Amino acid sequence: MKRKHFLSALLPAAFTLSTAKLYAGETDFRRHIKIPPYLQVGHTIGITCPAGFITLEECQPAIQLMQNWGFKIEVGKTVGKRSFTFGGTDEERLADFQSMLDDPNIKAIMCARGGYGAVRIIDDLDFQTFKRYPKWIIGFSDITVLHNHINRNFRTATLHSKMCNSFPLDWSSAEPVQVETILSIKKALIGEQLSYISPASKFNRLGKANGELVGGNLSLIAALAGSKSDLITKNKILFLEDTHEQLYNLDRLFFNLKRSGKLDHLQGLIIGSFNPKPDDAGEEFGKTIEEIVLEKVKDYHYPVCFDFPVGHQKNNFALKCGIKHQLSVDENGGSLMES
């Protein structure tokens, strides 16, 4: 074959391969989301530590309350384990989580706490059984790694919510907001449709949106960019939260979202709690979190909702990641409802 004919035959094939690789994420995006079976009385929830350590004593309020809801509890081997900041070694945390993924009797897995560590085991987890028999994965903060990885690769809904370390020690004297947020976990797990409202904010950008709800911790979403766990945000409603980051770093993280295209084609944007660290004296950044966000989305026209009740705070409600929602932002505030 002549060289020019060989090259002309090769180029379309190369283009097809590169195009397939380039749009593989969008192909995944178009697959329908799978919803794990909702829980019934008598079903078992496993508790494990894929990230930071926690004691069994600290988990007892959560264990007791979920048992009162009618669920059985399987306490993982990593609860009470400690390897420096982690809930056991990487190998122990991997084995414990894998065991719960594969156990057909466990219908949901609650991560006992966040911290750091899920990214150290995510690539070694085997989700083959999970793909055939999905179950609810529960948690937030560092557990954003699991939410994003599962959404990207397995198109399965997960539950962004408080974990064992956020359950009140004394349920009878808990603040109303604590009670409401913890009960939202139960409501989500048994299949109730969830809806929430947020207060009016002068920074809100009004509008309505419909789309799949995805998101989590901003630092983790940025850190996962370009990896197997990278989150696809096109045509979705994105929610974000973070804590104890300095404003200059939040600005850098939002630039990461903008420059990587994650803000380009959203249906809507939800901003939860951020609670930034105070600026160092003489090193003031000069912008608020609201100004940082609005600067990054000024070229887009979707609704933006601030002060939403999600994040590292008592007012942290359960959100079903991967499920389609309706977002409405008007003069009275924001509302988010499963569609």
C-alpha atoms as a PDB file:
ATOM      1  CA  MET A   1       0.000   0.000   0.000  1.00  0.00           C
ATOM      2  CA  LYS A   2       1.305   3.465  -0.847  1.00  0.00           C
ATOM      3  CA  ARG A   3       2.338   5.598   2.112  1.00  0.00           C
ATOM      4  CA  LYS A   4      -0.305   8.304   1.572  1.00  0.00           C
ATOM      5  CA  HIS A   5      -3.028   5.665   1.194  1.00  0.00           C
ATOM      6  CA  PHE A   6      -1.814   3.937   4.346  1.00  0.00           C
ATOM      7  CA  LEU A   7      -1.890   7.187   6.293  1.00  0.00           C
ATOM      8  CA  SER A   8      -5.315   8.134   4.948  1.00  0.00           C
ATOM      9  CA  ALA A   9      -6.652   4.750   6.053  1.00  0.00           C
ATOM     10  CA  LEU A  10      -4.971   5.025   9.446  1.00  0.00           C
ATOM     11  CA  LEU A  11      -6.173   8.519  10.345  1.00  0.00           C
ATOM     12  CA  PRO A  12      -9.931   7.761  10.533  1.00  0.00           C
ATOM     13  CA  ALA A  13      -9.257   4.736  12.741  1.00  0.00           C
ATOM     14  CA  ALA A  14      -6.979   6.753  15.022  1.00  0.00           C
ATOM     15  CA  PHE A  15      -9.570   9.509  15.191  1.00  0.00           C
ATOM     16  CA  THR A  16     -12.267   6.989  16.088  1.00  0.00           C
ATOM     17  CA  LEU A  17     -10.167   5.513  18.886  1.00  0.00           C
ATOM     18  CA  SER A  18      -9.170   8.879  20.320  1.00  0.00           C
ATOM     19  CA  THR A  19     -12.729  10.142  20.060  1.00  0.00           C
ATOM     20  CA  ALA A  20     -14.056   7.049  21.831  1.00  0.00           C
ATOM     21  CA  LYS A  21     -11.553   7.560  24.619  1.00  0.00           C
ATOM     22  CA  LEU A  22     -12.284  11.289  24.834  1.00  0.00           C
ATOM     23  CA  TYR A  23     -16.031  10.785  25.136  1.00  0.00           C
ATOM     24  CA  ALA A  24     -15.969   7.639  27.253  1.00  0.00           C
ATOM     25  CA  GLY A  25     -17.005   9.736  30.237  1.00  0.00           C
ATOM     26  CA  GLU A  26     -20.018  11.127  28.385  1.00  0.00           C
ATOM     27  CA  THR A  27     -21.025   7.619  27.344  1.00  0.00           C
ATOM     28  CA  ASP A  28     -20.960   6.625  31.010  1.00  0.00           C
ATOM     29  CA  PHE A  29     -22.983   9.723  31.828  1.00  0.00           C
ATOM     30  CA  ARG A  30     -25.796   8.714  29.492  1.00  0.00           C
ATOM     31  CA  ARG A  31     -26.273   5.348  31.204  1.00  0.00           C
ATOM     32  CA  HIS A  32     -29.278   5.304  33.519  1.00  0.00           C
ATOM     33  CA  ILE A  33     -28.513   5.526  37.221  1.00  0.00           C
ATOM     34  CA  LYS A  34     -29.082   2.388  39.276  1.00  0.00           C
ATOM     35  CA  ILE A  35     -30.841   2.860  42.602  1.00  0.00           C
ATOM     36  CA  PRO A  36     -29.894   0.326  45.307  1.00  0.00           C
ATOM     37  CA  PRO A  37     -32.848  -1.396  46.997  1.00  0.00           C
ATOM     38  CA  TYR A  38     -34.298   0.663  49.810  1.00  0.00           C
ATOM     39  CA  LEU A  39     -34.093  -0.818  53.297  1.00  0.00           C
ATOM     40  CA  GLN A  40     -36.817  -2.567  55.248  1.00  0.00           C
ATOM     41  CA  VAL A  41     -37.109  -3.430  58.930  1.00  0.00           C
ATOM     42  CA  GLY A  42     -34.718  -6.262  59.701  1.00  0.00           C
ATOM     43  CA  HIS A  43     -32.173  -5.338  57.043  1.00  0.00           C
ATOM     44  CA  THR A  44     -28.527  -4.982  58.048  1.00  0.00           C
ATOM     45  CA  ILE A  45     -26.349  -1.867  57.918  1.00  0.00           C
ATOM     46  CA  GLY A  46     -22.608  -2.393  58.091  1.00  0.00           C
ATOM     47  CA  ILE A  47     -20.334   0.138  59.801  1.00  0.00           C
ATOM     48  CA  THR A  48     -16.713   0.408  58.673  1.00  0.00           C
ATOM     49  CA  CYS A  49     -13.796   2.854  58.626  1.00  0.00           C
ATOM     50  CA  PRO A  50     -12.379   3.405  55.135  1.00  0.00           C
ATOM     51  CA  ALA A  51     -10.707   6.634  56.289  1.00  0.00           C
ATOM     52  CA  GLY A  52     -10.072   7.970  59.812  1.00  0.00           C
ATOM     53  CA  PHE A  53     -10.226   6.044  63.084  1.00  0.00           C
ATOM     54  CA  ILE A  54     -13.091   5.973  65.568  1.00  0.00           C
ATOM     55  CA  THR A  55     -13.790   3.987  68.711  1.00  0.00           C
ATOM     56  CA  LEU A  56     -16.658   1.549  69.181  1.00  0.00           C
ATOM     57  CA  GLU A  57     -17.830   3.668  72.111  1.00  0.00           C
ATOM     58  CA  GLU A  58     -18.132   6.709  69.835  1.00  0.00           C
ATOM     59  CA  CYS A  59     -20.252   4.661  67.415  1.00  0.00           C
ATOM     60  CA  GLN A  60     -22.667   3.408  70.072  1.00  0.00           C
ATOM     61  CA  PRO A  61     -25.217   6.281  69.782  1.00  0.00           C
ATOM     62  CA  ALA A  62     -25.510   5.628  66.045  1.00  0.00           C
ATOM     63  CA  ILE A  63     -25.697   1.862  66.533  1.00  0.00           C
ATOM     64  CA  GLN A  64     -28.413   2.130  69.178  1.00  0.00           C
ATOM     65  CA  LEU A  65     -30.534   4.590  67.213  1.00  0.00           C
ATOM     66  CA  MET A  66     -30.379   2.628  63.948  1.00  0.00           C
ATOM     67  CA  GLN A  67     -31.306  -0.515  65.869  1.00  0.00           C
ATOM     68  CA  ASN A  68     -34.284   1.404  67.279  1.00  0.00           C
ATOM     69  CA  TRP A  69     -35.256   2.132  63.655  1.00  0.00           C
ATOM     70  CA  GLY A  70     -35.531  -1.637  63.183  1.00  0.00           C
ATOM     71  CA  PHE A  71     -32.225  -2.304  61.422  1.00  0.00           C
ATOM     72  CA  LYS A  72     -29.581  -4.831  62.350  1.00  0.00           C
ATOM     73  CA  ILE A  73     -26.032  -3.528  62.663  1.00  0.00           C
ATOM     74  CA  GLU A  74     -22.838  -5.299  61.599  1.00  0.00           C
ATOM     75  CA  VAL A  75     -19.805  -3.614  63.162  1.00  0.00           C
ATOM     76  CA  GLY A  76     -16.741  -3.910  60.978  1.00  0.00           C
ATOM     77  CA  LYS A  77     -13.320  -5.024  62.115  1.00  0.00           C
ATOM     78  CA  THR A  78     -11.860  -1.561  61.546  1.00  0.00           C
ATOM     79  CA  VAL A  79     -14.114   0.097  64.139  1.00  0.00           C
ATOM     80  CA  GLY A  80     -11.810   0.610  67.110  1.00  0.00           C
ATOM     81  CA  LYS A  81      -8.683  -0.058  65.056  1.00  0.00           C
ATOM     82  CA  ARG A  82      -6.040   2.624  64.660  1.00  0.00           C
ATOM     83  CA  SER A  83      -2.971   3.053  62.519  1.00  0.00           C
ATOM     84  CA  PHE A  84      -1.833   6.611  63.133  1.00  0.00           C
ATOM     85  CA  THR A  85      -4.686   8.786  61.767  1.00  0.00           C
ATOM     86  CA  PHE A  86      -6.346   5.878  59.946  1.00  0.00           C
ATOM     87  CA  GLY A  87      -8.945   3.328  61.041  1.00  0.00           C
ATOM     88  CA  GLY A  88      -6.447   0.521  60.624  1.00  0.00           C
ATOM     89  CA  THR A  89      -3.808  -0.078  57.990  1.00  0.00           C
ATOM     90  CA  ASP A  90      -4.626   0.307  54.295  1.00  0.00           C
ATOM     91  CA  GLU A  91      -4.858  -3.479  54.052  1.00  0.00           C
ATOM     92  CA  GLU A  92      -7.239  -3.715  57.029  1.00  0.00           C
ATOM     93  CA  ARG A  93      -9.491  -0.931  55.789  1.00  0.00           C
ATOM     94  CA  LEU A  94      -9.550  -2.397  52.287  1.00  0.00           C
ATOM     95  CA  ALA A  95     -10.405  -5.896  53.546  1.00  0.00           C
ATOM     96  CA  ASP A  96     -13.164  -4.631  55.845  1.00  0.00           C
ATOM     97  CA  PHE A  97     -14.847  -2.520  53.183  1.00  0.00           C
ATOM     98  CA  GLN A  98     -14.474  -5.269  50.581  1.00  0.00           C
ATOM     99  CA  SER A  99     -16.073  -7.780  52.915  1.00  0.00           C
ATOM    100  CA  MET A 100     -19.095  -5.524  53.343  1.00  0.00           C
ATOM    101  CA  LEU A 101     -19.353  -4.864  49.611  1.00  0.00           C
ATOM    102  CA  ASP A 102     -19.456  -8.615  48.981  1.00  0.00           C
ATOM    103  CA  ASP A 103     -21.704  -9.652  51.882  1.00  0.00           C
ATOM    104  CA  PRO A 104     -25.248 -10.184  50.525  1.00  0.00           C
ATOM    105  CA  ASN A 105     -26.751  -9.772  53.982  1.00  0.00           C
ATOM    106  CA  ILE A 106     -25.479  -6.203  54.295  1.00  0.00           C
ATOM    107  CA  LYS A 107     -27.873  -3.834  52.502  1.00  0.00           C
ATOM    108  CA  ALA A 108     -26.100  -0.541  53.269  1.00  0.00           C
ATOM    109  CA  ILE A 109     -22.616   0.499  54.383  1.00  0.00           C
ATOM    110  CA  MET A 110     -22.244   3.472  56.703  1.00  0.00           C
ATOM    111  CA  CYS A 111     -18.744   4.921  56.865  1.00  0.00           C
ATOM    112  CA  ALA A 112     -18.114   5.616  60.538  1.00  0.00           C
ATOM    113  CA  ARG A 113     -16.327   8.916  59.936  1.00  0.00           C
ATOM    114  CA  GLY A 114     -14.372  10.894  57.362  1.00  0.00           C
ATOM    115  CA  GLY A 115     -10.885  12.249  57.869  1.00  0.00           C
ATOM    116  CA  TYR A 116      -8.503  10.958  55.221  1.00  0.00           C
ATOM    117  CA  GLY A 117      -7.809   7.593  53.667  1.00  0.00           C
ATOM    118  CA  ALA A 118     -10.466   6.487  51.168  1.00  0.00           C
ATOM    119  CA  VAL A 119      -8.305   7.432  48.191  1.00  0.00           C
ATOM    120  CA  ARG A 120      -5.585   5.085  49.459  1.00  0.00           C
ATOM    121  CA  ILE A 121      -7.814   2.036  48.949  1.00  0.00           C
ATOM    122  CA  ILE A 122     -10.239   3.022  46.175  1.00  0.00           C
ATOM    123  CA  ASP A 123      -8.245   1.514  43.274  1.00  0.00           C
ATOM    124  CA  ASP A 124      -7.908  -1.844  45.025  1.00  0.00           C
ATOM    125  CA  LEU A 125     -11.607  -2.296  45.800  1.00  0.00           C
ATOM    126  CA  ASP A 126     -13.401  -4.871  43.653  1.00  0.00           C
ATOM    127  CA  PHE A 127     -16.902  -3.647  42.760  1.00  0.00           C
ATOM    128  CA  GLN A 128     -17.957  -6.679  40.692  1.00  0.00           C
ATOM    129  CA  THR A 129     -20.402  -7.984  43.294  1.00  0.00           C
ATOM    130  CA  PHE A 130     -21.573  -4.435  44.021  1.00  0.00           C
ATOM    131  CA  LYS A 131     -22.376  -3.960  40.311  1.00  0.00           C
ATOM    132  CA  ARG A 132     -24.700  -6.969  40.388  1.00  0.00           C
ATOM    133  CA  TYR A 133     -26.119  -6.316  43.845  1.00  0.00           C
ATOM    134  CA  PRO A 134     -25.809  -2.587  44.617  1.00  0.00           C
ATOM    135  CA  LYS A 135     -26.225  -1.272  48.145  1.00  0.00           C
ATOM    136  CA  TRP A 136     -26.294   2.174  49.703  1.00  0.00           C
ATOM    137  CA  ILE A 137     -22.878   3.691  50.553  1.00  0.00           C
ATOM    138  CA  ILE A 138     -23.319   6.342  53.252  1.00  0.00           C
ATOM    139  CA  GLY A 139     -21.077   9.220  54.352  1.00  0.00           C
ATOM    140  CA  PHE A 140     -19.585  12.579  53.396  1.00  0.00           C
ATOM    141  CA  SER A 141     -16.361  14.604  53.476  1.00  0.00           C
ATOM    142  CA  ASP A 142     -13.568  12.113  52.607  1.00  0.00           C
ATOM    143  CA  ILE A 143     -16.284   9.676  51.481  1.00  0.00           C
ATOM    144  CA  THR A 144     -16.713  11.974  48.467  1.00  0.00           C
ATOM    145  CA  VAL A 145     -14.055   9.689  46.944  1.00  0.00           C
ATOM    146  CA  LEU A 146     -16.507   6.780  47.040  1.00  0.00           C
ATOM    147  CA  HIS A 147     -19.496   8.833  45.862  1.00  0.00           C
ATOM    148  CA  ASN A 148     -17.639  10.173  42.836  1.00  0.00           C
ATOM    149  CA  HIS A 149     -15.923   6.895  41.963  1.00  0.00           C
ATOM    150  CA  ILE A 150     -19.188   4.948  42.092  1.00  0.00           C
ATOM    151  CA  ASN A 151     -21.090   7.590  40.124  1.00  0.00           C
ATOM    152  CA  ARG A 152     -18.424   7.774  37.417  1.00  0.00           C
ATOM    153  CA  ASN A 153     -17.742   4.075  37.009  1.00  0.00           C
ATOM    154  CA  PHE A 154     -20.865   2.235  38.090  1.00  0.00           C
ATOM    155  CA  ARG A 155     -23.692   4.784  37.689  1.00  0.00           C
ATOM    156  CA  THR A 156     -25.171   3.841  41.053  1.00  0.00           C
ATOM    157  CA  ALA A 157     -26.831   6.146  43.585  1.00  0.00           C
ATOM    158  CA  THR A 158     -25.153   6.749  46.956  1.00  0.00           C
ATOM    159  CA  LEU A 159     -26.089   8.674  50.103  1.00  0.00           C
ATOM    160  CA  HIS A 160     -24.187  11.830  51.100  1.00  0.00           C
ATOM    161  CA  SER A 161     -24.958  12.265  54.795  1.00  0.00           C
ATOM    162  CA  LYS A 162     -23.745  12.438  58.344  1.00  0.00           C
ATOM    163  CA  MET A 163     -21.868   9.458  59.775  1.00  0.00           C
ATOM    164  CA  CYS A 164     -21.549   7.753  63.158  1.00  0.00           C
ATOM    165  CA  ASN A 165     -19.396  10.503  64.637  1.00  0.00           C
ATOM    166  CA  SER A 166     -22.216  13.037  64.079  1.00  0.00           C
ATOM    167  CA  PHE A 167     -25.009  11.230  65.929  1.00  0.00           C
ATOM    168  CA  PRO A 168     -25.981  12.997  69.190  1.00  0.00           C
ATOM    169  CA  LEU A 169     -24.884  11.325  72.411  1.00  0.00           C
ATOM    170  CA  ASP A 170     -28.309  11.852  73.982  1.00  0.00           C
ATOM    171  CA  TRP A 171     -31.160  11.655  71.489  1.00  0.00           C
ATOM    172  CA  SER A 172     -33.699  12.917  74.041  1.00  0.00           C
ATOM    173  CA  SER A 173     -31.859  16.218  74.496  1.00  0.00           C
ATOM    174  CA  ALA A 174     -30.595  16.668  70.922  1.00  0.00           C
ATOM    175  CA  GLU A 175     -31.198  19.951  69.139  1.00  0.00           C
ATOM    176  CA  PRO A 176     -34.092  19.905  66.652  1.00  0.00           C
ATOM    177  CA  VAL A 177     -31.711  20.393  63.703  1.00  0.00           C
ATOM    178  CA  GLN A 178     -29.679  17.358  64.818  1.00  0.00           C
ATOM    179  CA  VAL A 179     -32.820  15.266  65.031  1.00  0.00           C
ATOM    180  CA  GLU A 180     -34.019  16.387  61.593  1.00  0.00           C
ATOM    181  CA  THR A 181     -30.701  15.742  59.878  1.00  0.00           C
ATOM    182  CA  ILE A 182     -30.256  12.283  61.407  1.00  0.00           C
ATOM    183  CA  LEU A 183     -33.851  11.344  60.579  1.00  0.00           C
ATOM    184  CA  SER A 184     -33.197  12.391  56.978  1.00  0.00           C
ATOM    185  CA  ILE A 185     -30.779   9.428  56.772  1.00  0.00           C
ATOM    186  CA  LYS A 186     -33.546   7.037  57.778  1.00  0.00           C
ATOM    187  CA  LYS A 187     -35.997   8.647  55.358  1.00  0.00           C
ATOM    188  CA  ALA A 188     -33.507   8.314  52.519  1.00  0.00           C
ATOM    189  CA  LEU A 189     -32.722   4.672  53.290  1.00  0.00           C
ATOM    190  CA  ILE A 190     -36.367   3.590  53.389  1.00  0.00           C
ATOM    191  CA  GLY A 191     -37.141   5.357  50.123  1.00  0.00           C
ATOM    192  CA  GLU A 192     -38.950   8.521  51.132  1.00  0.00           C
ATOM    193  CA  GLN A 193     -38.658  11.384  48.659  1.00  0.00           C
ATOM    194  CA  LEU A 194     -36.485  14.097  50.164  1.00  0.00           C
ATOM    195  CA  SER A 195     -36.958  17.848  49.834  1.00  0.00           C
ATOM    196  CA  TYR A 196     -35.174  20.749  51.494  1.00  0.00           C
ATOM    197  CA  ILE A 197     -35.278  24.513  51.598  1.00  0.00           C
ATOM    198  CA  SER A 198     -32.567  27.093  52.189  1.00  0.00           C
ATOM    199  CA  PRO A 199     -32.905  30.735  53.256  1.00  0.00           C
ATOM    200  CA  ALA A 200     -32.926  33.682  50.903  1.00  0.00           C
ATOM    201  CA  SER A 201     -29.506  35.096  50.097  1.00  0.00           C
ATOM    202  CA  LYS A 202     -28.634  38.294  48.267  1.00  0.00           C
ATOM    203  CA  PHE A 203     -25.967  36.290  46.462  1.00  0.00           C
ATOM    204  CA  ASN A 204     -28.377  33.694  45.043  1.00  0.00           C
ATOM    205  CA  ARG A 205     -28.848  33.584  41.297  1.00  0.00           C
ATOM    206  CA  LEU A 206     -32.489  32.875  40.547  1.00  0.00           C
ATOM    207  CA  GLY A 207     -33.794  30.157  38.277  1.00  0.00           C
ATOM    208  CA  LYS A 208     -34.934  26.554  38.009  1.00  0.00           C
ATOM    209  CA  ALA A 209     -33.048  23.415  37.122  1.00  0.00           C
ATOM    210  CA  ASN A 210     -33.615  19.698  36.672  1.00  0.00           C
ATOM    211  CA  GLY A 211     -30.839  17.161  36.708  1.00  0.00           C
ATOM    212  CA  GLU A 212     -28.911  14.428  38.415  1.00  0.00           C
ATOM    213  CA  LEU A 213     -27.544  15.558  41.795  1.00  0.00           C
ATOM    214  CA  VAL A 214     -23.802  15.047  42.284  1.00  0.00           C
ATOM    215  CA  GLY A 215     -21.063  16.603  44.370  1.00  0.00           C
ATOM    216  CA  GLY A 216     -19.527  16.599  47.819  1.00  0.00           C
ATOM    217  CA  ASN A 217     -16.340  17.976  49.264  1.00  0.00           C
ATOM    218  CA  LEU A 218     -14.689  20.570  47.011  1.00  0.00           C
ATOM    219  CA  SER A 219     -11.102  19.640  47.950  1.00  0.00           C
ATOM    220  CA  LEU A 220     -11.752  15.983  47.125  1.00  0.00           C
ATOM    221  CA  ILE A 221     -13.501  16.724  43.821  1.00  0.00           C
ATOM    222  CA  ALA A 222     -10.538  18.846  42.742  1.00  0.00           C
ATOM    223  CA  ALA A 223      -8.035  16.241  43.952  1.00  0.00           C
ATOM    224  CA  LEU A 224      -9.754  13.501  41.920  1.00  0.00           C
ATOM    225  CA  ALA A 225      -9.583  15.455  38.641  1.00  0.00           C
ATOM    226  CA  GLY A 226      -8.034  13.403  35.861  1.00  0.00           C
ATOM    227  CA  SER A 227      -8.308  10.137  37.807  1.00  0.00           C
ATOM    228  CA  LYS A 228     -10.584   7.108  37.455  1.00  0.00           C
ATOM    229  CA  SER A 229     -12.804   8.771  40.058  1.00  0.00           C
ATOM    230  CA  ASP A 230     -13.120  12.103  38.232  1.00  0.00           C
ATOM    231  CA  LEU A 231     -16.675  13.429  38.463  1.00  0.00           C
ATOM    232  CA  ILE A 232     -18.646  14.178  35.297  1.00  0.00           C
ATOM    233  CA  THR A 233     -20.781  17.263  35.906  1.00  0.00           C
ATOM    234  CA  LYS A 234     -22.290  17.942  32.478  1.00  0.00           C
ATOM    235  CA  ASN A 235     -26.070  18.543  32.671  1.00  0.00           C
ATOM    236  CA  LYS A 236     -26.069  17.872  36.410  1.00  0.00           C
ATOM    237  CA  ILE A 237     -26.863  19.817  39.585  1.00  0.00           C
ATOM    238  CA  LEU A 238     -23.585  20.139  41.484  1.00  0.00           C
ATOM    239  CA  PHE A 239     -23.451  20.644  45.266  1.00  0.00           C
ATOM    240  CA  LEU A 240     -20.252  21.633  47.068  1.00  0.00           C
ATOM    241  CA  GLU A 241     -19.056  21.964  50.651  1.00  0.00           C
ATOM    242  CA  ASP A 242     -15.758  22.190  52.493  1.00  0.00           C
ATOM    243  CA  THR A 243     -14.336  23.240  55.831  1.00  0.00           C
ATOM    244  CA  HIS A 244     -11.316  24.978  57.346  1.00  0.00           C
ATOM    245  CA  GLU A 245      -9.716  25.934  54.055  1.00  0.00           C
ATOM    246  CA  GLN A 246      -8.266  29.411  53.661  1.00  0.00           C
ATOM    247  CA  LEU A 247     -10.037  31.664  51.186  1.00  0.00           C
ATOM    248  CA  TYR A 248      -7.091  31.840  48.785  1.00  0.00           C
ATOM    249  CA  ASN A 249      -7.109  28.042  48.572  1.00  0.00           C
ATOM    250  CA  LEU A 250     -10.875  27.955  48.006  1.00  0.00           C
ATOM    251  CA  ASP A 251     -10.306  30.394  45.153  1.00  0.00           C
ATOM    252  CA  ARG A 252      -7.689  28.040  43.709  1.00  0.00           C
ATOM    253  CA  LEU A 253     -10.021  25.042  44.081  1.00  0.00           C
ATOM    254  CA  PHE A 254     -12.869  26.831  42.297  1.00  0.00           C
ATOM    255  CA  PHE A 255     -10.456  27.799  39.530  1.00  0.00           C
ATOM    256  CA  ASN A 256      -9.677  24.090  39.236  1.00  0.00           C
ATOM    257  CA  LEU A 257     -13.380  23.395  38.629  1.00  0.00           C
ATOM    258  CA  LYS A 258     -13.632  26.215  36.123  1.00  0.00           C
ATOM    259  CA  ARG A 259     -10.473  25.378  34.185  1.00  0.00           C
ATOM    260  CA  SER A 260     -11.306  21.655  34.071  1.00  0.00           C
ATOM    261  CA  GLY A 261     -14.737  22.429  32.600  1.00  0.00           C
ATOM    262  CA  LYS A 262     -16.752  21.226  35.568  1.00  0.00           C
ATOM    263  CA  LEU A 263     -18.677  24.506  35.778  1.00  0.00           C
ATOM    264  CA  ASP A 264     -19.333  24.844  32.034  1.00  0.00           C
ATOM    265  CA  HIS A 265     -22.496  22.840  31.446  1.00  0.00           C
ATOM    266  CA  LEU A 266     -24.209  22.558  34.822  1.00  0.00           C
ATOM    267  CA  GLN A 267     -27.946  22.687  35.271  1.00  0.00           C
ATOM    268  CA  GLY A 268     -27.504  24.311  38.676  1.00  0.00           C
ATOM    269  CA  LEU A 269     -24.992  24.933  41.463  1.00  0.00           C
ATOM    270  CA  ILE A 270     -25.589  24.482  45.206  1.00  0.00           C
ATOM    271  CA  ILE A 271     -23.168  25.945  47.746  1.00  0.00           C
ATOM    272  CA  GLY A 272     -23.284  24.489  51.235  1.00  0.00           C
ATOM    273  CA  SER A 273     -21.234  25.274  54.338  1.00  0.00           C
ATOM    274  CA  PHE A 274     -17.589  26.293  53.901  1.00  0.00           C
ATOM    275  CA  ASN A 275     -16.544  27.800  57.238  1.00  0.00           C
ATOM    276  CA  PRO A 276     -13.170  29.050  55.910  1.00  0.00           C
ATOM    277  CA  LYS A 277     -10.135  29.580  58.099  1.00  0.00           C
ATOM    278  CA  PRO A 278      -9.460  33.215  59.012  1.00  0.00           C
ATOM    279  CA  ASP A 279      -6.918  34.948  56.797  1.00  0.00           C
ATOM    280  CA  ASP A 280      -3.438  35.400  58.198  1.00  0.00           C
ATOM    281  CA  ALA A 281      -2.831  38.940  59.415  1.00  0.00           C
ATOM    282  CA  GLY A 282      -1.396  41.014  56.593  1.00  0.00           C
ATOM    283  CA  GLU A 283      -2.284  38.301  54.051  1.00  0.00           C
ATOM    284  CA  GLU A 284      -5.991  39.037  53.639  1.00  0.00           C
ATOM    285  CA  PHE A 285      -7.418  37.563  50.452  1.00  0.00           C
ATOM    286  CA  GLY A 286     -10.066  40.223  49.973  1.00  0.00           C
ATOM    287  CA  LYS A 287     -12.961  38.109  48.686  1.00  0.00           C
ATOM    288  CA  THR A 288     -15.728  36.187  50.446  1.00  0.00           C
ATOM    289  CA  ILE A 289     -16.719  32.652  49.491  1.00  0.00           C
ATOM    290  CA  GLU A 290     -19.787  34.087  47.746  1.00  0.00           C
ATOM    291  CA  GLU A 291     -17.634  36.466  45.687  1.00  0.00           C
ATOM    292  CA  ILE A 292     -15.230  33.653  44.827  1.00  0.00           C
ATOM    293  CA  VAL A 293     -18.068  31.481  43.519  1.00  0.00           C
ATOM    294  CA  LEU A 294     -19.892  34.185  41.578  1.00  0.00           C
ATOM    295  CA  GLU A 295     -16.672  35.262  39.890  1.00  0.00           C
ATOM    296  CA  LYS A 296     -16.157  31.718  38.566  1.00  0.00           C
ATOM    297  CA  VAL A 297     -19.724  31.319  37.235  1.00  0.00           C
ATOM    298  CA  LYS A 298     -20.281  34.821  35.826  1.00  0.00           C
ATOM    299  CA  ASP A 299     -20.157  33.534  32.246  1.00  0.00           C
ATOM    300  CA  TYR A 300     -22.891  30.958  32.868  1.00  0.00           C
ATOM    301  CA  HIS A 301     -26.613  31.377  33.417  1.00  0.00           C
ATOM    302  CA  TYR A 302     -27.765  28.506  35.621  1.00  0.00           C
ATOM    303  CA  PRO A 303     -29.242  29.091  39.105  1.00  0.00           C
ATOM    304  CA  VAL A 304     -26.855  29.292  42.066  1.00  0.00           C
ATOM    305  CA  CYS A 305     -28.065  28.594  45.599  1.00  0.00           C
ATOM    306  CA  PHE A 306     -26.023  29.640  48.644  1.00  0.00           C
ATOM    307  CA  ASP A 307     -26.363  28.647  52.322  1.00  0.00           C
ATOM    308  CA  PHE A 308     -27.775  25.221  51.522  1.00  0.00           C
ATOM    309  CA  PRO A 309     -27.984  22.860  54.549  1.00  0.00           C
ATOM    310  CA  VAL A 310     -25.137  20.519  53.678  1.00  0.00           C
ATOM    311  CA  GLY A 311     -21.563  20.338  54.919  1.00  0.00           C
ATOM    312  CA  HIS A 312     -19.464  20.212  58.074  1.00  0.00           C
ATOM    313  CA  GLN A 313     -22.151  21.613  60.346  1.00  0.00           C
ATOM    314  CA  LYS A 314     -25.150  20.430  62.367  1.00  0.00           C
ATOM    315  CA  ASN A 315     -27.423  21.481  59.512  1.00  0.00           C
ATOM    316  CA  ASN A 316     -26.203  18.705  57.204  1.00  0.00           C
ATOM    317  CA  PHE A 317     -29.044  16.798  55.540  1.00  0.00           C
ATOM    318  CA  ALA A 318     -28.873  13.531  53.617  1.00  0.00           C
ATOM    319  CA  LEU A 319     -28.689  13.889  49.819  1.00  0.00           C
ATOM    320  CA  LYS A 320     -29.125  11.062  47.306  1.00  0.00           C
ATOM    321  CA  CYS A 321     -26.234  11.388  44.862  1.00  0.00           C
ATOM    322  CA  GLY A 322     -27.091  10.289  41.350  1.00  0.00           C
ATOM    323  CA  ILE A 323     -30.844  10.764  41.743  1.00  0.00           C
ATOM    324  CA  LYS A 324     -32.601  13.371  39.589  1.00  0.00           C
ATOM    325  CA  HIS A 325     -33.690  16.481  41.490  1.00  0.00           C
ATOM    326  CA  GLN A 326     -35.466  19.761  40.878  1.00  0.00           C
ATOM    327  CA  LEU A 327     -33.742  22.928  42.087  1.00  0.00           C
ATOM    328  CA  SER A 328     -35.649  26.189  42.387  1.00  0.00           C
ATOM    329  CA  VAL A 329     -34.086  29.477  43.501  1.00  0.00           C
ATOM    330  CA  ASP A 330     -36.301  32.534  43.918  1.00  0.00           C
ATOM    331  CA  GLU A 331     -36.638  35.624  46.117  1.00  0.00           C
ATOM    332  CA  ASN A 332     -37.675  33.445  49.065  1.00  0.00           C
ATOM    333  CA  GLY A 333     -34.654  31.173  48.931  1.00  0.00           C
ATOM    334  CA  GLY A 334     -33.843  27.801  47.451  1.00  0.00           C
ATOM    335  CA  SER A 335     -35.618  24.465  47.354  1.00  0.00           C
ATOM    336  CA  LEU A 336     -34.349  21.065  46.301  1.00  0.00           C
ATOM    337  CA  MET A 337     -36.672  18.119  45.689  1.00  0.00           C
ATOM    338  CA  GLU A 338     -36.327  14.643  44.289  1.00  0.00           C
ATOM    339  CA  SER A 339     -38.029  14.556  40.927  1.00  0.00           C
END
